[in-house]
Every structure is written in C-alpha cells, then in structure tokens.
Amino acid sequence: MLLTLNSKAKGEVVNVENTPEVTILELARKVKETTKRKSTTEFSALPKDDPKRRCPDTAKLERLIEWKPTVNFEEGLKRTITWFVSKNSAHR
C-alpha cells in the first residue's frame, strides 16, 4: 500500500521481497517440508530467456518509501501457505 500511494514510486519497477537469494529447488524443498507433502520434484529445461539467478535487491524500494522487509523467508512462506490453504478451504 505504501508503494502505490507514494508519488516517488509512480511508474517505477521495484522488487518487493526479502533479500536472501533462494534457489527454486530450495523453495520447492521448503514448500514440501512446510506443507508436509510427499510430492515429487520435476526438472525441466529452462526457457531460453529465463534468468539463471534471481537475486533480490530491495535497495530501490527502501530508497523510494523507506521500507525494509521484516519477515524472514521461512515465516513468509508459512504465512503464504496458510493464506492459500484458507482461500482453498473457502471455495469448497
């Protein structure tokens, strides 16, 4: 909300995430661990223009609206999974 209301951020593209880099494989493992699922991980060829690394950098966000992430990766993942579970339960 702060970002959408700030005139300095109008038209800007910023990362809104936490700063530690996490690979897709690490993310998949954490999701399985957190959800206690036994799903398998499938590997596919990356699209030609897919970035090999995604390194979050929130410096621009911090500069524009003086905000820093306060929730770590594990807690954010738990909150996200809880939100998706609650939304899925509401549609049954």
Foldseek 3Di string as FASTA:
>chain_A
DLLVPFPLNVPHDADDDAFDWDDPVRVVVLLCVLVVHPDDDDDDDDPPPDDPGDGHDHPVVCVRRVDHDDDDPNRVSNVVVVVVVVVVVVVD
